[in-house]
C-alpha atoms as a PDB file:
ATOM      1  CA  MET A   1      20.550  10.415  -0.068  1.00  0.00           C
ATOM      2  CA  SER A   2      18.545  12.169  -2.776  1.00  0.00           C
ATOM      3  CA  TYR A   3      18.949  11.707  -6.527  1.00  0.00           C
ATOM      4  CA  ASN A   4      15.939  13.872  -7.499  1.00  0.00           C
ATOM      5  CA  LEU A   5      14.312  10.806  -9.055  1.00  0.00           C
ATOM      6  CA  LEU A   6      10.867  12.392  -8.790  1.00  0.00           C
ATOM      7  CA  LYS A   7      11.658  16.011  -9.550  1.00  0.00           C
ATOM      8  CA  GLY A   8       8.670  17.603 -11.268  1.00  0.00           C
ATOM      9  CA  LYS A   9       6.372  14.653 -10.553  1.00  0.00           C
ATOM     10  CA  ARG A  10       3.006  15.005  -8.797  1.00  0.00           C
ATOM     11  CA  GLY A  11       0.927  12.482  -6.948  1.00  0.00           C
ATOM     12  CA  ILE A  12      -1.527  11.321  -4.308  1.00  0.00           C
ATOM     13  CA  ILE A  13      -0.584   9.285  -1.229  1.00  0.00           C
ATOM     14  CA  PHE A  14      -3.308   7.348   0.602  1.00  0.00           C
ATOM     15  CA  GLY A  15      -2.894   6.037   4.122  1.00  0.00           C
ATOM     16  CA  ALA A  16      -0.311   8.071   6.037  1.00  0.00           C
ATOM     17  CA  LEU A  17      -1.535   7.596   9.613  1.00  0.00           C
ATOM     18  CA  ASP A  18       1.578   8.023  11.761  1.00  0.00           C
ATOM     19  CA  ALA A  19       5.356   7.815  11.569  1.00  0.00           C
ATOM     20  CA  ASN A  20       5.223   3.981  11.654  1.00  0.00           C
ATOM     21  CA  SER A  21       3.183   3.714   8.462  1.00  0.00           C
ATOM     22  CA  ILE A  22       4.712   2.829   5.126  1.00  0.00           C
ATOM     23  CA  ALA A  23       2.763   5.630   3.467  1.00  0.00           C
ATOM     24  CA  TRP A  24       4.327   8.110   5.887  1.00  0.00           C
ATOM     25  CA  LYS A  25       7.854   6.885   5.105  1.00  0.00           C
ATOM     26  CA  THR A  26       7.039   6.958   1.404  1.00  0.00           C
ATOM     27  CA  ALA A  27       5.807  10.544   1.620  1.00  0.00           C
ATOM     28  CA  GLU A  28       9.074  11.556   3.297  1.00  0.00           C
ATOM     29  CA  ARG A  29      11.153   9.813   0.626  1.00  0.00           C
ATOM     30  CA  VAL A  30       9.077  11.195  -2.259  1.00  0.00           C
ATOM     31  CA  HIS A  31       9.552  14.679  -0.828  1.00  0.00           C
ATOM     32  CA  GLU A  32      13.309  14.119  -0.550  1.00  0.00           C
ATOM     33  CA  GLU A  33      13.398  13.008  -4.193  1.00  0.00           C
ATOM     34  CA  GLY A  34      11.682  16.196  -5.373  1.00  0.00           C
ATOM     35  CA  GLY A  35       8.115  14.932  -5.793  1.00  0.00           C
ATOM     36  CA  LYS A  36       5.026  16.899  -4.788  1.00  0.00           C
ATOM     37  CA  PHE A  37       1.832  15.307  -3.570  1.00  0.00           C
ATOM     38  CA  VAL A  38      -1.481  15.553  -1.824  1.00  0.00           C
ATOM     39  CA  LEU A  39      -2.014  13.455   1.305  1.00  0.00           C
ATOM     40  CA  THR A  40      -5.347  11.789   1.931  1.00  0.00           C
ATOM     41  CA  ASN A  41      -7.044   9.501   4.400  1.00  0.00           C
ATOM     42  CA  ALA A  42     -10.530   8.910   5.753  1.00  0.00           C
ATOM     43  CA  PRO A  43     -11.677  11.653   8.154  1.00  0.00           C
ATOM     44  CA  ILE A  44     -11.840   9.216  11.091  1.00  0.00           C
ATOM     45  CA  ALA A  45      -8.305   7.967  10.423  1.00  0.00           C
ATOM     46  CA  MET A  46      -7.053  11.527  10.208  1.00  0.00           C
ATOM     47  CA  ARG A  47      -8.445  12.287  13.654  1.00  0.00           C
ATOM     48  CA  MET A  48      -6.512   9.293  15.024  1.00  0.00           C
ATOM     49  CA  GLY A  49      -3.204  10.066  13.299  1.00  0.00           C
ATOM     50  CA  GLN A  50      -0.686  12.875  12.940  1.00  0.00           C
ATOM     51  CA  ILE A  51      -1.073  13.557   9.235  1.00  0.00           C
ATOM     52  CA  LYS A  52      -0.972  17.337   9.741  1.00  0.00           C
ATOM     53  CA  ASP A  53       2.601  17.019  11.021  1.00  0.00           C
ATOM     54  CA  LEU A  54       3.563  15.112   7.885  1.00  0.00           C
ATOM     55  CA  ALA A  55       1.900  17.695   5.650  1.00  0.00           C
ATOM     56  CA  GLN A  56       3.888  20.464   7.297  1.00  0.00           C
ATOM     57  CA  GLN A  57       7.123  18.476   7.084  1.00  0.00           C
ATOM     58  CA  THR A  58       6.682  17.681   3.374  1.00  0.00           C
ATOM     59  CA  GLU A  59       5.092  21.005   2.334  1.00  0.00           C
ATOM     60  CA  SER A  60       1.999  19.191   1.125  1.00  0.00           C
ATOM     61  CA  GLU A  61      -1.741  19.675   1.446  1.00  0.00           C
ATOM     62  CA  ILE A  62      -4.354  17.305   2.845  1.00  0.00           C
ATOM     63  CA  VAL A  63      -7.619  16.438   1.097  1.00  0.00           C
ATOM     64  CA  PRO A  64      -9.770  14.161   3.298  1.00  0.00           C
ATOM     65  CA  ALA A  65     -11.535  11.372   1.422  1.00  0.00           C
ATOM     66  CA  ASP A  66     -13.384   8.161   2.153  1.00  0.00           C
ATOM     67  CA  ALA A  67     -11.744   5.877  -0.422  1.00  0.00           C
ATOM     68  CA  THR A  68     -14.930   3.793  -0.667  1.00  0.00           C
ATOM     69  CA  SER A  69     -16.931   6.839  -1.844  1.00  0.00           C
ATOM     70  CA  ILE A  70     -16.863   7.685  -5.562  1.00  0.00           C
ATOM     71  CA  GLU A  71     -17.985  11.223  -4.753  1.00  0.00           C
ATOM     72  CA  ASP A  72     -15.117  11.723  -2.297  1.00  0.00           C
ATOM     73  CA  LEU A  73     -12.607  10.247  -4.750  1.00  0.00           C
ATOM     74  CA  GLU A  74     -13.803  12.493  -7.566  1.00  0.00           C
ATOM     75  CA  ASN A  75     -13.386  15.503  -5.294  1.00  0.00           C
ATOM     76  CA  LEU A  76      -9.946  14.262  -4.219  1.00  0.00           C
ATOM     77  CA  VAL A  77      -8.669  13.844  -7.780  1.00  0.00           C
ATOM     78  CA  GLU A  78     -10.058  17.200  -8.934  1.00  0.00           C
ATOM     79  CA  LYS A  79      -8.601  19.057  -5.952  1.00  0.00           C
ATOM     80  CA  ALA A  80      -5.261  17.257  -6.259  1.00  0.00           C
ATOM     81  CA  MET A  81      -4.883  18.365  -9.883  1.00  0.00           C
ATOM     82  CA  GLU A  82      -5.875  21.893  -8.895  1.00  0.00           C
ATOM     83  CA  ILE A  83      -3.420  22.031  -5.971  1.00  0.00           C
ATOM     84  CA  LEU A  84      -0.560  20.384  -7.863  1.00  0.00           C
ATOM     85  CA  GLY A  85      -1.116  22.229 -11.113  1.00  0.00           C
ATOM     86  CA  GLY A  86      -1.710  19.377 -13.506  1.00  0.00           C
ATOM     87  CA  LYS A  87      -2.238  15.696 -14.045  1.00  0.00           C
ATOM     88  CA  ILE A  88      -1.012  13.020 -11.645  1.00  0.00           C
ATOM     89  CA  ASP A  89       2.220  11.015 -12.081  1.00  0.00           C
ATOM     90  CA  PHE A  90       1.986   8.621  -9.138  1.00  0.00           C
ATOM     91  CA  VAL A  91      -0.499   7.184  -6.640  1.00  0.00           C
ATOM     92  CA  LEU A  92       0.151   5.068  -3.545  1.00  0.00           C
ATOM     93  CA  HIS A  93      -2.756   3.025  -2.170  1.00  0.00           C
ATOM     94  CA  SER A  94      -1.703   2.036   1.344  1.00  0.00           C
ATOM     95  CA  ILE A  95      -4.967   1.399   3.161  1.00  0.00           C
ATOM     96  CA  GLY A  96      -6.542  -1.738   4.561  1.00  0.00           C
ATOM     97  CA  MET A  97      -8.860  -2.787   7.342  1.00  0.00           C
ATOM     98  CA  SER A  98     -10.611  -5.835   8.742  1.00  0.00           C
ATOM     99  CA  ILE A  99     -13.319  -5.347  11.335  1.00  0.00           C
ATOM    100  CA  ASN A 100     -13.402  -9.123  11.819  1.00  0.00           C
ATOM    101  CA  VAL A 101      -9.731  -9.028  12.831  1.00  0.00           C
ATOM    102  CA  ARG A 102     -10.247  -5.998  15.028  1.00  0.00           C
ATOM    103  CA  LYS A 103     -13.218  -7.582  16.811  1.00  0.00           C
ATOM    104  CA  GLY A 104     -11.581 -10.993  17.160  1.00  0.00           C
ATOM    105  CA  ASN A 105     -13.936 -12.907  14.855  1.00  0.00           C
ATOM    106  CA  HIS A 106     -12.340 -16.137  13.620  1.00  0.00           C
ATOM    107  CA  TYR A 107     -12.147 -16.762   9.853  1.00  0.00           C
ATOM    108  CA  THR A 108     -14.726 -19.543  10.253  1.00  0.00           C
ATOM    109  CA  ASN A 109     -17.145 -17.227  12.046  1.00  0.00           C
ATOM    110  CA  GLN A 110     -17.253 -13.995  10.102  1.00  0.00           C
ATOM    111  CA  ASN A 111     -19.737 -11.189  10.385  1.00  0.00           C
ATOM    112  CA  TYR A 112     -20.371 -10.705   6.663  1.00  0.00           C
ATOM    113  CA  ASP A 113     -21.377  -7.064   6.979  1.00  0.00           C
ATOM    114  CA  TRP A 114     -17.926  -6.500   8.467  1.00  0.00           C
ATOM    115  CA  THR A 115     -16.374  -8.701   5.777  1.00  0.00           C
ATOM    116  CA  HIS A 116     -17.907  -6.557   3.043  1.00  0.00           C
ATOM    117  CA  LYS A 117     -16.810  -3.316   4.703  1.00  0.00           C
ATOM    118  CA  GLY A 118     -13.252  -4.615   5.038  1.00  0.00           C
ATOM    119  CA  TRP A 119     -13.209  -5.716   1.400  1.00  0.00           C
ATOM    120  CA  ASP A 120     -14.495  -2.318   0.278  1.00  0.00           C
ATOM    121  CA  VAL A 121     -11.820  -0.421   2.210  1.00  0.00           C
ATOM    122  CA  SER A 122      -8.944  -2.800   1.473  1.00  0.00           C
ATOM    123  CA  ALA A 123      -9.593  -3.809  -2.148  1.00  0.00           C
ATOM    124  CA  GLY A 124     -12.736  -2.265  -3.649  1.00  0.00           C
ATOM    125  CA  SER A 125     -11.346   1.201  -2.928  1.00  0.00           C
ATOM    126  CA  PHE A 126      -8.380   0.451  -5.195  1.00  0.00           C
ATOM    127  CA  HIS A 127     -10.680  -0.247  -8.134  1.00  0.00           C
ATOM    128  CA  LYS A 128     -12.750   2.841  -7.340  1.00  0.00           C
ATOM    129  CA  THR A 129      -9.642   5.026  -7.143  1.00  0.00           C
ATOM    130  CA  MET A 130      -8.357   3.798 -10.500  1.00  0.00           C
ATOM    131  CA  GLN A 131     -11.790   4.067 -12.099  1.00  0.00           C
ATOM    132  CA  VAL A 132     -12.008   7.733 -11.113  1.00  0.00           C
ATOM    133  CA  LEU A 133      -8.454   8.415 -12.321  1.00  0.00           C
ATOM    134  CA  TYR A 134      -9.136   6.569 -15.589  1.00  0.00           C
ATOM    135  CA  GLN A 135     -12.483   8.189 -16.341  1.00  0.00           C
ATOM    136  CA  LYS A 136     -11.188  11.674 -15.543  1.00  0.00           C
ATOM    137  CA  ASP A 137      -8.035  11.052 -17.624  1.00  0.00           C
ATOM    138  CA  ALA A 138      -6.168  12.331 -14.577  1.00  0.00           C
ATOM    139  CA  MET A 139      -2.906  10.374 -15.003  1.00  0.00           C
ATOM    140  CA  ASN A 140       0.040  11.471 -17.105  1.00  0.00           C
ATOM    141  CA  GLU A 141       1.475   8.949 -19.564  1.00  0.00           C
ATOM    142  CA  TRP A 142       4.073   6.697 -17.903  1.00  0.00           C
ATOM    143  CA  GLY A 143       2.521   7.399 -14.539  1.00  0.00           C
ATOM    144  CA  SER A 144       2.727   4.751 -11.820  1.00  0.00           C
ATOM    145  CA  ILE A 145       0.081   3.389  -9.443  1.00  0.00           C
ATOM    146  CA  ILE A 146       1.157   1.194  -6.526  1.00  0.00           C
ATOM    147  CA  ALA A 147      -0.875  -0.707  -3.917  1.00  0.00           C
ATOM    148  CA  LEU A 148       0.629  -2.449  -0.914  1.00  0.00           C
ATOM    149  CA  THR A 149      -0.128  -6.115  -0.294  1.00  0.00           C
ATOM    150  CA  TYR A 150       1.098  -9.072   1.770  1.00  0.00           C
ATOM    151  CA  MET A 151       2.135 -12.684   1.179  1.00  0.00           C
ATOM    152  CA  ALA A 152      -1.061 -13.979   2.852  1.00  0.00           C
ATOM    153  CA  SER A 153      -2.765 -13.288  -0.478  1.00  0.00           C
ATOM    154  CA  GLN A 154      -0.928 -16.331  -1.846  1.00  0.00           C
ATOM    155  CA  ARG A 155      -0.268 -18.566   1.166  1.00  0.00           C
ATOM    156  CA  VAL A 156      -2.107 -19.464   4.365  1.00  0.00           C
ATOM    157  CA  PHE A 157      -1.467 -17.308   7.438  1.00  0.00           C
ATOM    158  CA  PRO A 158      -4.374 -18.380   9.691  1.00  0.00           C
ATOM    159  CA  ASP A 159      -4.624 -15.266  11.866  1.00  0.00           C
ATOM    160  CA  TYR A 160      -4.527 -12.864   8.901  1.00  0.00           C
ATOM    161  CA  ASN A 161      -8.196 -13.778   8.520  1.00  0.00           C
ATOM    162  CA  ASP A 162     -10.272 -12.121   5.774  1.00  0.00           C
ATOM    163  CA  MET A 163      -7.487  -9.624   5.081  1.00  0.00           C
ATOM    164  CA  ALA A 164      -5.829 -12.440   3.106  1.00  0.00           C
ATOM    165  CA  ASP A 165      -8.859 -12.565   0.797  1.00  0.00           C
ATOM    166  CA  ASN A 166      -8.856  -8.781   0.505  1.00  0.00           C
ATOM    167  CA  LYS A 167      -5.211  -8.755  -0.549  1.00  0.00           C
ATOM    168  CA  ALA A 168      -5.778 -11.497  -3.137  1.00  0.00           C
ATOM    169  CA  TYR A 169      -8.613  -9.433  -4.610  1.00  0.00           C
ATOM    170  CA  LEU A 170      -6.446  -6.303  -4.509  1.00  0.00           C
ATOM    171  CA  GLU A 171      -3.710  -8.012  -6.530  1.00  0.00           C
ATOM    172  CA  SER A 172      -6.238  -9.216  -9.101  1.00  0.00           C
ATOM    173  CA  ILE A 173      -7.606  -5.681  -9.492  1.00  0.00           C
ATOM    174  CA  ALA A 174      -4.077  -4.407 -10.115  1.00  0.00           C
ATOM    175  CA  ARG A 175      -3.598  -6.864 -12.973  1.00  0.00           C
ATOM    176  CA  SER A 176      -7.034  -6.442 -14.523  1.00  0.00           C
ATOM    177  CA  PHE A 177      -7.265  -2.653 -14.320  1.00  0.00           C
ATOM    178  CA  GLY A 178      -3.552  -2.380 -15.059  1.00  0.00           C
ATOM    179  CA  TYR A 179      -4.135  -3.906 -18.485  1.00  0.00           C
ATOM    180  CA  PHE A 180      -6.595  -1.190 -19.469  1.00  0.00           C
ATOM    181  CA  PHE A 181      -4.553   1.602 -17.881  1.00  0.00           C
ATOM    182  CA  GLY A 182      -1.464   0.417 -19.738  1.00  0.00           C
ATOM    183  CA  ARG A 183      -3.201  -0.107 -23.075  1.00  0.00           C
ATOM    184  CA  ASP A 184      -5.179   3.111 -23.065  1.00  0.00           C
ATOM    185  CA  LYS A 185      -3.177   5.568 -20.960  1.00  0.00           C
ATOM    186  CA  LYS A 186       0.403   4.195 -20.806  1.00  0.00           C
ATOM    187  CA  VAL A 187       0.102   4.036 -17.009  1.00  0.00           C
ATOM    188  CA  ARG A 188       1.762   1.320 -14.870  1.00  0.00           C
ATOM    189  CA  VAL A 189      -0.115  -0.538 -12.133  1.00  0.00           C
ATOM    190  CA  ASN A 190       1.709  -2.827  -9.696  1.00  0.00           C
ATOM    191  CA  THR A 191       1.492  -4.183  -6.163  1.00  0.00           C
ATOM    192  CA  ILE A 192       4.339  -4.459  -3.671  1.00  0.00           C
ATOM    193  CA  SER A 193       4.208  -7.461  -1.350  1.00  0.00           C
ATOM    194  CA  GLN A 194       5.981  -6.257   1.769  1.00  0.00           C
ATOM    195  CA  SER A 195       7.482  -8.140   4.718  1.00  0.00           C
ATOM    196  CA  PRO A 196       5.382  -8.047   7.900  1.00  0.00           C
ATOM    197  CA  THR A 197       5.989  -4.512   9.146  1.00  0.00           C
ATOM    198  CA  PRO A 198       5.184  -3.112  12.610  1.00  0.00           C
ATOM    199  CA  THR A 199       2.677  -0.494  11.490  1.00  0.00           C
ATOM    200  CA  THR A 200      -0.349   0.497  13.559  1.00  0.00           C
ATOM    201  CA  ALA A 201      -2.615  -1.607  11.312  1.00  0.00           C
ATOM    202  CA  GLY A 202      -0.275  -4.602  11.178  1.00  0.00           C
ATOM    203  CA  GLN A 203       0.053  -4.850  14.925  1.00  0.00           C
ATOM    204  CA  GLY A 204      -3.695  -5.393  15.188  1.00  0.00           C
ATOM    205  CA  VAL A 205      -3.313  -8.909  13.735  1.00  0.00           C
ATOM    206  CA  LYS A 206      -3.236 -11.704  16.335  1.00  0.00           C
ATOM    207  CA  GLY A 207       0.218 -13.226  16.659  1.00  0.00           C
ATOM    208  CA  PHE A 208       1.841 -10.406  14.686  1.00  0.00           C
ATOM    209  CA  ASP A 209       5.072 -10.552  16.701  1.00  0.00           C
ATOM    210  CA  GLY A 210       5.320 -14.217  15.736  1.00  0.00           C
ATOM    211  CA  PHE A 211       4.807 -13.299  12.053  1.00  0.00           C
ATOM    212  CA  ILE A 212       7.727 -10.882  12.237  1.00  0.00           C
ATOM    213  CA  SER A 213      10.137 -13.168  14.029  1.00  0.00           C
ATOM    214  CA  TYR A 214       9.330 -16.154  11.804  1.00  0.00           C
ATOM    215  CA  ALA A 215       9.777 -14.079   8.626  1.00  0.00           C
ATOM    216  CA  GLU A 216      13.049 -12.665   9.969  1.00  0.00           C
ATOM    217  CA  LYS A 217      14.427 -16.178  10.510  1.00  0.00           C
ATOM    218  CA  MET A 218      13.116 -17.402   7.147  1.00  0.00           C
ATOM    219  CA  SER A 219      14.386 -14.528   4.970  1.00  0.00           C
ATOM    220  CA  PRO A 220      18.051 -14.622   3.924  1.00  0.00           C
ATOM    221  CA  LEU A 221      18.205 -10.819   3.960  1.00  0.00           C
ATOM    222  CA  GLY A 222      15.884 -10.395   6.926  1.00  0.00           C
ATOM    223  CA  ASN A 223      12.625  -8.460   6.902  1.00  0.00           C
ATOM    224  CA  ALA A 224      12.277  -5.391   4.716  1.00  0.00           C
ATOM    225  CA  THR A 225      11.546  -2.276   6.779  1.00  0.00           C
ATOM    226  CA  ALA A 226       8.983   0.444   6.110  1.00  0.00           C
ATOM    227  CA  LEU A 227      11.833   2.600   4.790  1.00  0.00           C
ATOM    228  CA  ASP A 228      12.934  -0.210   2.457  1.00  0.00           C
ATOM    229  CA  CYS A 229       9.399  -0.304   1.084  1.00  0.00           C
ATOM    230  CA  ALA A 230       9.361   3.476   0.696  1.00  0.00           C
ATOM    231  CA  ASN A 231      12.576   3.316  -1.308  1.00  0.00           C
ATOM    232  CA  TYR A 232      11.194   0.558  -3.528  1.00  0.00           C
ATOM    233  CA  THR A 233       8.038   2.591  -4.097  1.00  0.00           C
ATOM    234  CA  VAL A 234      10.097   5.641  -5.074  1.00  0.00           C
ATOM    235  CA  ALA A 235      11.909   3.479  -7.643  1.00  0.00           C
ATOM    236  CA  MET A 236       8.534   2.304  -8.981  1.00  0.00           C
ATOM    237  CA  PHE A 237       7.289   5.893  -9.229  1.00  0.00           C
ATOM    238  CA  SER A 238      10.399   6.953 -11.138  1.00  0.00           C
ATOM    239  CA  ASP A 239      11.068   6.718 -14.872  1.00  0.00           C
ATOM    240  CA  LEU A 240      13.657   4.001 -14.169  1.00  0.00           C
ATOM    241  CA  THR A 241      10.855   1.401 -14.073  1.00  0.00           C
ATOM    242  CA  LYS A 242       8.561   2.726 -16.801  1.00  0.00           C
ATOM    243  CA  ARG A 243       8.031  -0.668 -18.497  1.00  0.00           C
ATOM    244  CA  VAL A 244       7.155  -2.582 -15.315  1.00  0.00           C
ATOM    245  CA  THR A 245       3.433  -3.220 -14.977  1.00  0.00           C
ATOM    246  CA  LEU A 246       0.872  -5.891 -13.921  1.00  0.00           C
ATOM    247  CA  GLN A 247       3.404  -7.268 -11.426  1.00  0.00           C
ATOM    248  CA  ASN A 248       3.184  -8.345  -7.815  1.00  0.00           C
ATOM    249  CA  LEU A 249       6.651  -7.343  -6.638  1.00  0.00           C
ATOM    250  CA  TYR A 250       8.103  -8.945  -3.519  1.00  0.00           C
ATOM    251  CA  ASN A 251      10.012  -6.724  -1.107  1.00  0.00           C
ATOM    252  CA  ASP A 252      10.507  -9.326   1.587  1.00  0.00           C
ATOM    253  CA  GLY A 253      14.173 -10.221   2.006  1.00  0.00           C
ATOM    254  CA  GLY A 254      13.684 -13.389  -0.073  1.00  0.00           C
ATOM    255  CA  PHE A 255      10.911 -14.866   2.106  1.00  0.00           C
ATOM    256  CA  SER A 256       8.602 -15.599  -0.835  1.00  0.00           C
ATOM    257  CA  ASN A 257      11.031 -18.063  -2.424  1.00  0.00           C
ATOM    258  CA  MET A 258      12.021 -19.905   0.738  1.00  0.00           C
ATOM    259  CA  GLY A 259      10.876 -23.363   1.787  1.00  0.00           C
ATOM    260  CA  VAL A 260      12.731 -23.514   5.087  1.00  0.00           C
ATOM    261  CA  SER A 261      15.834 -21.892   6.542  1.00  0.00           C
ATOM    262  CA  ASP A 262      18.559 -22.960   8.962  1.00  0.00           C
ATOM    263  CA  GLY A 263      17.299 -20.383  11.451  1.00  0.00           C
ATOM    264  CA  VAL A 264      13.783 -21.790  11.451  1.00  0.00           C
ATOM    265  CA  MET A 265      15.023 -25.381  11.648  1.00  0.00           C
ATOM    266  CA  GLU A 266      17.283 -24.549  14.569  1.00  0.00           C
ATOM    267  CA  ALA A 267      14.397 -22.898  16.419  1.00  0.00           C
ATOM    268  CA  PHE A 268      12.165 -25.898  15.726  1.00  0.00           C
ATOM    269  CA  VAL A 269      14.733 -28.465  16.856  1.00  0.00           C
ATOM    270  CA  GLY A 270      15.521 -26.331  19.893  1.00  0.00           C
ATOM    271  CA  ASN A 271      11.868 -26.350  20.912  1.00  0.00           C
ATOM    272  CA  LYS A 272      11.875 -30.157  20.772  1.00  0.00           C
END
């Protein structure tokens, strides 16, 4: 159902890889709500995904960009404003990567070159993106910037590895840069902490199926889906939430406030 919540609004969406990705679902929902946007991802990710299909479906254009490159981000922002016909109202940062996870390196045995690369893609790129937007005065007042995060930023999930550190850093950047963006530009910056979601990236984490089933049993409302997250993001892009900023917002079926649930206890006792 569409309420035209984003009619007349323009934005940039990072990270739409395939139909399983949250960014992809968000792009579809933004389009349904009347928003216009530019899609972007790293050239290598674009070769792996189906972003051209999404662009056609949502009547949007693609501007490739390495989010760790200031030069690429400057080009992205300039071209986005040119294509969309003005300043930006919303940005979704939905990218993350850990080479240590991908290569099976344990948290206690990291390759630090890989650690740095993962940090740069997953967290540093968020600061770089906002710095370019801020310095170019590219955001409209009451605009909204969202980055996606996960509960491992706050609690221990052993197999999430260095991605947990990246997400903690990402959330800190949102608060710190969000202060200046709010004070100087009247722009909101928030993170959404999503349930474990079966995206292409998420499924690369060891034991991911266990993450999902545990969270499902723990959460009174069950896991939030990619579409649930897309809907929440649309609400955060809309004028209905224009005073919400510097927040880490949980979209996780209640998981973040649970200690234990009947479902988990029953599974534990059953295993005994």
